[in-house]
Amino acid sequence: MTFPTHDVPQSDPPLPPWETLPTMYDLPSDNPLEPGKPDDFHFLQPVLLFLTFLPVNWKSELVYSAADLNLYYDLQHTQWYKRPDWFGVVGVPKLYQGRDLRLSYVTWQERVNPFVVVELLSPGTEDEDLDEKEREPNKPPTKWEVYEGILRIPYYVIFSRYTNELQGFHLVGAHYESMSFTDGRLLMPELGLSLGLWQGSFQNIERLWLRWFTLEGKLIPFTSFIYSINFKMLQ
């Protein structure tokens, strides 16, 4: 899959994009035309993923995850972005340049792409999430094209709360391939984690949730203290 490129004026010698292109302070962090979150599940489920995303192979200070945050991905079209329901990154500090909470995630500034993205199916976005929507002429690429072909995100996970269907895709070469399940979980050995469904109570709501486990299948715990602090930060 190829994408159009355009010449961008550069100095001689060229400066790197993280020095010349817009930073997170220059790019909008929200789209006033979007209706916002469609339901409570789209808020609570990413919070649970956020609280249990603790890769054992990485130092905690170099693990970052976010929900419903603009993800800027194209050096040639700096206003284009996707807004994943949740994504996780390893190898970047929790704070932008170690000093500030992020307004967005700008890949040419961070220089590290997300390692895993989770999209929660909803009627308005299902076609694009499942790669069933064709790209419109002169429009930005679809989510699938961005995650697979531009950012080359190793793992892409889709979950429907309506059918409780979980799908995982692993980047193999240049394309996503469907992942197989091990004891009902999607294994991500590079993180020392697996992702699966958990029947339990979260925020006093009993249902089937998407949650991080160890590779061996043990739940990644979170304490009430950690939950209360981070939950307030996300409000």
Protein backbone atom coordinates (compact mmCIF):
# COMPACT_ATOMS: atom_id res chain seq x y z
CA MET A 1 0.00 0.00 0.00
CA THR A 2 1.39 3.42 -0.93
CA PHE A 3 0.33 6.89 0.07
CA PRO A 4 0.83 10.20 -1.73
CA THR A 5 3.76 12.33 -0.71
CA HIS A 6 4.40 16.03 -1.19
CA ASP A 7 7.55 18.04 -1.16
CA VAL A 8 8.01 20.11 1.98
CA PRO A 9 10.47 23.05 1.89
CA GLN A 10 13.54 22.17 3.92
CA SER A 11 16.76 23.77 4.98
CA ASP A 12 20.12 22.54 3.74
CA PRO A 13 20.91 20.23 5.38
CA PRO A 14 17.32 19.28 6.25
CA LEU A 15 16.24 19.59 9.85
CA PRO A 16 14.43 16.64 11.50
CA PRO A 17 10.61 16.82 11.66
CA TRP A 18 10.55 17.12 15.44
CA GLU A 19 12.34 20.46 15.05
CA THR A 20 10.43 21.90 12.08
CA LEU A 21 6.84 20.58 12.11
CA PRO A 22 4.02 21.48 14.52
CA THR A 23 4.23 20.28 18.11
CA MET A 24 1.33 19.23 20.33
CA TYR A 25 1.03 22.89 21.39
CA ASP A 26 0.41 23.97 17.81
CA LEU A 27 -2.17 21.34 16.83
CA PRO A 28 -5.81 21.20 18.01
CA SER A 29 -6.63 18.66 20.69
CA ASP A 30 -10.32 18.39 19.92
CA ASN A 31 -12.74 18.60 17.00
CA PRO A 32 -15.79 20.73 17.85
CA LEU A 33 -17.74 19.05 15.04
CA GLU A 34 -17.48 15.60 16.65
CA PRO A 35 -20.37 14.66 18.95
CA GLY A 36 -18.11 13.29 21.70
CA LYS A 37 -18.25 9.97 23.46
CA PRO A 38 -21.33 7.96 22.51
CA ASP A 39 -21.90 6.23 25.86
CA ASP A 40 -20.50 5.46 29.32
CA PHE A 41 -18.82 2.29 28.09
CA HIS A 42 -16.55 4.32 25.80
CA PHE A 43 -15.35 6.15 28.90
CA LEU A 44 -15.09 3.35 31.45
CA GLN A 45 -13.55 0.63 29.27
CA PRO A 46 -10.51 2.73 28.29
CA VAL A 47 -10.01 3.65 31.95
CA LEU A 48 -9.78 -0.03 32.85
CA LEU A 49 -7.27 -0.59 30.05
CA PHE A 50 -5.29 2.43 31.25
CA LEU A 51 -5.13 1.14 34.82
CA THR A 52 -4.02 -2.37 33.90
CA PHE A 53 -1.55 -1.60 31.09
CA LEU A 54 1.63 -2.46 32.98
CA PRO A 55 4.10 -4.10 30.59
CA VAL A 56 6.48 -6.24 32.64
CA ASN A 57 9.33 -5.78 30.16
CA TRP A 58 9.39 -2.00 30.46
CA LYS A 59 10.09 0.48 33.25
CA SER A 60 6.85 2.12 34.36
CA GLU A 61 8.21 5.61 33.70
CA LEU A 62 8.61 4.67 30.01
CA VAL A 63 5.05 3.40 29.54
CA TYR A 64 2.32 5.72 28.29
CA SER A 65 -1.29 5.14 27.36
CA ALA A 66 -4.20 7.39 26.51
CA ALA A 67 -7.88 7.32 25.64
CA ASP A 68 -9.69 9.45 23.07
CA LEU A 69 -6.59 11.55 22.39
CA ASN A 70 -5.72 12.96 18.98
CA LEU A 71 -3.02 10.87 17.31
CA TYR A 72 -1.19 12.87 14.61
CA TYR A 73 0.59 10.68 12.10
CA ASP A 74 1.40 12.35 8.77
CA LEU A 75 4.46 14.54 8.19
CA GLN A 76 2.96 15.87 4.98
CA HIS A 77 -0.52 16.56 6.37
CA THR A 78 0.06 17.84 9.87
CA GLN A 79 -3.64 18.50 10.56
CA TRP A 80 -4.67 14.89 9.90
CA TYR A 81 -5.24 12.73 12.95
CA LYS A 82 -7.03 9.67 14.26
CA ARG A 83 -8.60 9.44 17.70
CA PRO A 84 -8.27 5.86 19.00
CA ASP A 85 -10.51 4.77 21.85
CA TRP A 86 -7.32 3.66 23.61
CA PHE A 87 -3.67 3.21 22.69
CA GLY A 88 -0.50 2.20 24.49
CA VAL A 89 3.10 3.22 23.86
CA VAL A 90 6.35 1.89 25.30
CA GLY A 91 9.63 3.73 25.23
CA VAL A 92 8.35 7.26 25.89
CA PRO A 93 8.04 9.13 29.21
CA LYS A 94 4.63 9.58 30.80
CA LEU A 95 4.97 13.35 30.43
CA TYR A 96 5.66 15.18 27.17
CA GLN A 97 9.42 15.81 27.09
CA GLY A 98 9.36 14.78 30.73
CA ARG A 99 7.60 17.92 31.93
CA ASP A 100 4.01 18.36 30.72
CA LEU A 101 0.75 16.44 30.37
CA ARG A 102 0.00 15.74 26.73
CA LEU A 103 -2.63 17.63 24.76
CA SER A 104 -2.27 15.15 21.88
CA TYR A 105 0.18 12.53 20.65
CA VAL A 106 2.27 13.84 17.77
CA THR A 107 4.33 11.00 16.31
CA TRP A 108 6.99 13.17 14.62
CA GLN A 109 7.66 14.88 17.96
CA GLU A 110 7.57 11.73 20.09
CA ARG A 111 9.51 9.64 17.54
CA VAL A 112 7.87 6.48 18.94
CA ASN A 113 4.64 5.09 17.48
CA PRO A 114 1.97 3.35 19.55
CA PHE A 115 2.56 -0.36 20.14
CA VAL A 116 -1.07 -1.35 20.51
CA VAL A 117 -4.39 0.29 19.62
CA VAL A 118 -7.86 -0.70 20.82
CA GLU A 119 -11.02 0.42 19.07
CA LEU A 120 -14.45 -0.14 20.64
CA LEU A 121 -17.04 -0.75 17.96
CA SER A 122 -19.98 1.60 17.67
CA PRO A 123 -22.53 1.94 14.85
CA GLY A 124 -20.99 5.17 13.58
CA THR A 125 -17.42 3.89 13.24
CA GLU A 126 -17.79 0.13 12.72
CA ASP A 127 -17.11 0.13 8.97
CA GLU A 128 -13.86 2.05 9.34
CA ASP A 129 -12.69 0.10 12.39
CA LEU A 130 -13.16 -3.20 10.54
CA ASP A 131 -11.52 -2.03 7.29
CA GLU A 132 -14.86 -2.18 5.46
CA LYS A 133 -14.88 1.47 4.47
CA GLU A 134 -13.21 2.56 1.24
CA ARG A 135 -11.02 5.61 1.31
CA GLU A 136 -12.73 8.62 -0.24
CA PRO A 137 -10.85 10.64 -2.88
CA ASN A 138 -8.91 13.59 -1.45
CA LYS A 139 -9.77 12.47 2.08
CA PRO A 140 -7.45 11.25 4.86
CA PRO A 141 -6.70 7.51 4.97
CA THR A 142 -8.89 5.22 7.07
CA LYS A 143 -7.92 4.04 10.55
CA TRP A 144 -6.84 0.69 9.20
CA GLU A 145 -4.61 2.31 6.58
CA VAL A 146 -3.03 4.55 9.20
CA TYR A 147 -2.45 1.83 11.81
CA GLU A 148 -1.25 -0.79 9.32
CA GLY A 149 0.44 1.14 6.53
CA ILE A 150 1.63 4.45 7.99
CA LEU A 151 2.33 3.98 11.69
CA ARG A 152 2.81 0.21 11.40
CA ILE A 153 1.39 -0.40 14.87
CA PRO A 154 2.26 -4.00 15.87
CA TYR A 155 -1.11 -4.84 17.45
CA TYR A 156 -4.61 -3.66 16.57
CA VAL A 157 -7.50 -4.90 18.74
CA ILE A 158 -11.23 -4.46 18.14
CA PHE A 159 -13.94 -5.18 20.71
CA SER A 160 -17.73 -5.00 20.39
CA ARG A 161 -19.69 -4.70 23.60
CA TYR A 162 -22.83 -5.50 21.65
CA THR A 163 -21.70 -8.99 20.61
CA ASN A 164 -18.77 -9.40 23.08
CA GLU A 165 -16.64 -10.30 20.06
CA LEU A 166 -12.91 -9.68 20.43
CA GLN A 167 -10.63 -9.53 17.39
CA GLY A 168 -6.89 -9.04 17.28
CA PHE A 169 -4.53 -8.29 14.42
CA HIS A 170 -0.74 -8.56 14.43
CA LEU A 171 1.46 -6.76 11.92
CA VAL A 172 3.33 -9.38 9.89
CA GLY A 173 5.51 -7.85 7.22
CA ALA A 174 3.46 -5.08 5.65
CA HIS A 175 -0.02 -6.36 6.56
CA TYR A 176 -2.21 -7.21 9.52
CA GLU A 177 -2.99 -10.86 10.09
CA SER A 178 -5.66 -12.22 12.43
CA MET A 179 -4.34 -13.36 15.80
CA SER A 180 -5.20 -16.68 17.35
CA PHE A 181 -6.32 -16.96 20.97
CA THR A 182 -4.53 -18.75 23.80
CA ASP A 183 -6.99 -19.65 26.56
CA GLY A 184 -9.25 -16.89 25.27
CA ARG A 185 -6.51 -14.23 25.33
CA LEU A 186 -4.42 -12.39 22.74
CA LEU A 187 -0.75 -12.77 23.62
CA MET A 188 1.70 -9.89 23.20
CA PRO A 189 5.02 -11.35 24.35
CA GLU A 190 7.01 -8.18 23.61
CA LEU A 191 5.05 -6.54 26.44
CA GLY A 192 4.87 -9.57 28.69
CA LEU A 193 1.09 -9.12 28.60
CA SER A 194 -2.05 -10.61 27.13
CA LEU A 195 -5.44 -9.07 26.47
CA GLY A 196 -8.71 -10.85 27.12
CA LEU A 197 -12.25 -10.63 28.41
CA TRP A 198 -13.00 -10.57 32.13
CA GLN A 199 -16.38 -10.98 33.78
CA GLY A 200 -16.31 -8.76 36.83
CA SER A 201 -17.28 -5.52 38.54
CA PHE A 202 -15.59 -2.28 37.59
CA GLN A 203 -16.83 1.02 39.01
CA ASN A 204 -19.65 -1.08 40.54
CA ILE A 205 -20.77 -2.22 37.10
CA GLU A 206 -20.88 -5.97 36.52
CA ARG A 207 -20.33 -7.01 32.92
CA LEU A 208 -17.79 -8.45 30.50
CA TRP A 209 -14.80 -6.12 30.27
CA LEU A 210 -11.66 -6.03 28.15
CA ARG A 211 -8.67 -6.22 30.47
CA TRP A 212 -4.91 -6.81 30.57
CA PHE A 213 -3.50 -10.05 31.96
CA THR A 214 -0.01 -11.47 32.33
CA LEU A 215 1.15 -13.85 29.62
CA GLU A 216 0.29 -16.70 31.98
CA GLY A 217 -3.29 -15.44 32.40
CA LYS A 218 -3.16 -13.72 35.79
CA LEU A 219 -5.13 -10.50 36.17
CA ILE A 220 -3.10 -7.29 36.30
CA PRO A 221 -4.37 -5.77 39.56
CA PHE A 222 -5.03 -2.16 40.39
CA THR A 223 -5.53 -0.79 43.90
CA SER A 224 -8.35 1.49 44.95
CA PHE A 225 -5.77 4.20 45.65
CA ILE A 226 -4.34 4.07 42.12
CA TYR A 227 -7.84 3.93 40.69
CA SER A 228 -9.08 6.97 42.61
CA ILE A 229 -6.09 9.10 41.63
CA ASN A 230 -6.08 8.27 37.92
CA PHE A 231 -9.85 8.27 37.57
CA LYS A 232 -9.96 11.89 38.77
CA MET A 233 -7.19 12.81 36.33
CA LEU A 234 -9.25 11.46 33.41
CA GLN A 235 -12.43 13.33 34.30
